[in-house]
Amino acid sequence: MRCPGCFNPHLWAASGGRLENTVELAVGFVADAERAGALGITLLGGEPFDQAAGLATIAEAFRAAGLSVMTFTGYTLDRLTGWAATRPDIARLLAATDLLVDGPYLRDQPDAVRPWLGSTNQASARSPRCTPRRSPGSNGRAGAPGWRSASTRTAGST
């Protein structure tokens, strides 16, 4: 994505790092979250759906432990659901996500009103299993199949 103004540009590197066993990482992350009293995990940029297989494993472990998963993506929900038809990794990460904030961050369209959204072009959607404990109240608007809008894009946004 490389959204201008992103607050995580240090996480963009596509090379470097090291390979890890995501099952082992997930077990450790869940244990750490439970010890800390956290309600879940937030996945954000770089771009989570560019590494969907590994993050799906981690998200699924959080869901299995009864914890929530919030995912920020620069892609739109419509694009992701389209890709999910042929990409099992994307389908798994979407299925394990309780609250999705979608759309690229646009520095020239700041949003200081809606929680968690950085720019007015972004929207959030809740999965059907998402409970009030895990996300803001739904406004009841329909979104992509199986998802409900929790915060719609503002007028004039892309």
Protein backbone atom coordinates (compact mmCIF):
# COMPACT_ATOMS: atom_id res chain seq x y z
CA MET A 1 0.00 0.00 0.00
CA ARG A 2 2.62 2.50 1.15
CA CYS A 3 0.02 5.13 2.05
CA PRO A 4 1.64 8.59 2.30
CA GLY A 5 1.52 9.71 5.92
CA CYS A 6 1.39 6.16 7.27
CA PHE A 7 2.57 6.04 10.89
CA ASN A 8 4.20 2.61 10.36
CA PRO A 9 6.59 3.04 7.40
CA HIS A 10 9.26 1.11 9.30
CA LEU A 11 7.08 -2.00 8.89
CA TRP A 12 6.96 -1.84 5.08
CA ALA A 13 10.11 -3.83 4.34
CA ALA A 14 9.37 -6.83 2.14
CA SER A 15 12.80 -8.30 2.84
CA GLY A 16 14.83 -8.93 5.94
CA GLY A 17 13.35 -10.22 9.14
CA ARG A 18 13.28 -13.91 9.86
CA LEU A 19 10.95 -16.84 9.28
CA GLU A 20 8.97 -17.93 12.31
CA ASN A 21 6.55 -20.73 13.05
CA THR A 22 3.22 -18.89 13.20
CA VAL A 23 1.55 -21.59 15.30
CA GLU A 24 4.23 -21.19 17.97
CA LEU A 25 4.02 -17.40 17.74
CA ALA A 26 0.24 -17.53 18.07
CA VAL A 27 0.40 -19.65 21.22
CA GLY A 28 2.83 -17.19 22.79
CA PHE A 29 0.87 -14.12 21.69
CA VAL A 30 -2.39 -15.50 23.08
CA ALA A 31 -0.73 -16.41 26.38
CA ASP A 32 0.77 -12.91 26.62
CA ALA A 33 -2.59 -11.30 25.82
CA GLU A 34 -4.42 -13.38 28.43
CA ARG A 35 -1.80 -12.61 31.10
CA ALA A 36 -2.12 -8.91 30.33
CA GLY A 37 -5.92 -9.02 30.44
CA ALA A 38 -6.19 -7.91 26.81
CA LEU A 39 -9.47 -8.42 24.97
CA GLY A 40 -7.78 -9.27 21.68
CA ILE A 41 -5.27 -8.32 19.02
CA THR A 42 -5.09 -5.58 16.39
CA LEU A 43 -3.45 -6.37 13.06
CA LEU A 44 -2.19 -3.40 11.05
CA GLY A 45 0.44 -2.19 8.60
CA GLY A 46 2.47 -3.00 6.75
CA GLU A 47 -0.52 -4.59 5.06
CA PRO A 48 -2.01 -7.57 6.93
CA PHE A 49 -3.61 -9.10 3.85
CA ASP A 50 -0.22 -9.16 2.09
CA GLN A 51 0.74 -11.79 4.67
CA ALA A 52 -2.71 -13.26 5.17
CA ALA A 53 -1.74 -16.92 5.70
CA GLY A 54 0.50 -16.28 8.70
CA LEU A 55 -1.78 -13.68 10.22
CA ALA A 56 -4.83 -15.92 9.71
CA THR A 57 -3.13 -18.54 11.90
CA ILE A 58 -2.53 -15.95 14.61
CA ALA A 59 -6.04 -14.47 14.32
CA GLU A 60 -7.62 -17.93 14.47
CA ALA A 61 -5.72 -18.67 17.69
CA PHE A 62 -7.07 -15.49 19.27
CA ARG A 63 -10.62 -16.34 18.20
CA ALA A 64 -10.23 -19.91 19.55
CA ALA A 65 -9.22 -18.40 22.90
CA GLY A 66 -12.35 -16.23 22.92
CA LEU A 67 -10.41 -13.06 22.17
CA SER A 68 -11.27 -10.52 19.47
CA VAL A 69 -9.44 -9.60 16.29
CA MET A 70 -9.42 -6.15 14.71
CA THR A 71 -7.73 -5.75 11.32
CA PHE A 72 -6.77 -2.55 9.51
CA THR A 73 -6.28 -2.84 5.75
CA GLY A 74 -5.66 -0.48 2.87
CA TYR A 75 -7.79 -2.71 0.64
CA THR A 76 -11.57 -2.35 0.51
CA LEU A 77 -13.86 -5.05 1.90
CA ASP A 78 -15.36 -5.53 -1.57
CA ARG A 79 -11.92 -6.21 -3.05
CA LEU A 80 -10.99 -8.58 -0.22
CA THR A 81 -14.22 -10.57 -0.46
CA GLY A 82 -13.64 -10.87 -4.21
CA TRP A 83 -10.11 -12.16 -3.69
CA ALA A 84 -11.27 -14.48 -0.92
CA ALA A 85 -13.17 -16.55 -3.49
CA THR A 86 -9.85 -17.82 -4.87
CA ARG A 87 -7.44 -17.06 -2.01
CA PRO A 88 -8.02 -19.29 1.04
CA ASP A 89 -5.50 -17.29 3.08
CA ILE A 90 -7.50 -14.08 2.61
CA ALA A 91 -10.77 -15.93 3.29
CA ARG A 92 -9.30 -17.29 6.56
CA LEU A 93 -8.09 -13.90 7.76
CA LEU A 94 -11.43 -12.29 6.93
CA ALA A 95 -13.26 -15.11 8.72
CA ALA A 96 -11.11 -14.64 11.83
CA THR A 97 -11.57 -10.84 11.90
CA ASP A 98 -14.25 -9.37 14.16
CA LEU A 99 -13.84 -5.73 13.16
CA LEU A 100 -12.30 -4.61 9.87
CA VAL A 101 -11.22 -1.06 9.07
CA ASP A 102 -10.82 -0.89 5.31
CA GLY A 103 -9.51 1.55 2.73
CA PRO A 104 -6.16 3.28 2.35
CA TYR A 105 -5.20 6.08 4.70
CA LEU A 106 -5.48 9.40 2.83
CA ARG A 107 -3.44 12.11 4.52
CA ASP A 108 -5.47 14.90 2.87
CA GLN A 109 -8.78 13.53 4.24
CA PRO A 110 -8.24 13.28 8.01
CA ASP A 111 -11.08 11.95 10.15
CA ALA A 112 -11.03 13.27 13.70
CA VAL A 113 -14.60 12.19 14.49
CA ARG A 114 -14.96 8.42 14.07
CA PRO A 115 -13.02 6.13 16.41
CA TRP A 116 -10.16 4.12 14.87
CA LEU A 117 -10.48 5.58 11.37
CA GLY A 118 -7.68 7.79 10.12
CA SER A 119 -9.29 9.29 7.01
CA THR A 120 -12.80 9.92 5.78
CA ASN A 121 -12.57 7.41 2.93
CA GLN A 122 -12.20 4.54 5.38
CA ALA A 123 -15.03 2.44 6.79
CA SER A 124 -15.35 -0.21 9.43
CA ALA A 125 -17.37 -3.39 9.21
CA ARG A 126 -18.28 -5.99 11.81
CA SER A 127 -18.43 -9.71 11.20
CA PRO A 128 -21.77 -11.38 11.94
CA ARG A 129 -20.41 -12.97 15.16
CA CYS A 130 -19.11 -9.66 16.54
CA THR A 131 -20.66 -8.81 19.88
CA PRO A 132 -21.09 -5.36 21.47
CA ARG A 133 -18.20 -6.20 23.81
CA ARG A 134 -15.94 -6.46 20.79
CA SER A 135 -16.92 -3.49 18.66
CA PRO A 136 -18.88 -0.26 18.44
CA GLY A 137 -22.63 -0.50 17.82
CA SER A 138 -23.81 -1.26 14.32
CA ASN A 139 -25.82 1.25 12.39
CA GLY A 140 -27.59 -1.66 10.70
CA ARG A 141 -26.48 -0.84 7.15
CA ALA A 142 -25.75 -3.72 4.86
CA GLY A 143 -22.21 -4.27 3.62
CA ALA A 144 -20.44 -7.14 1.93
CA PRO A 145 -22.10 -10.53 2.44
CA GLY A 146 -21.95 -11.53 6.10
CA TRP A 147 -20.61 -8.17 7.24
CA ARG A 148 -22.40 -5.16 8.75
CA SER A 149 -21.21 -1.60 8.53
CA ALA A 150 -20.12 -0.24 11.88
CA SER A 151 -18.98 3.13 10.58
CA THR A 152 -19.71 4.21 7.05
CA ARG A 153 -17.60 6.39 4.82
CA THR A 154 -18.44 10.06 5.06
CA ALA A 155 -20.02 12.06 2.27
CA GLY A 156 -17.65 12.87 -0.56
CA SER A 157 -15.13 10.18 0.38
CA THR A 158 -13.77 7.54 -1.94
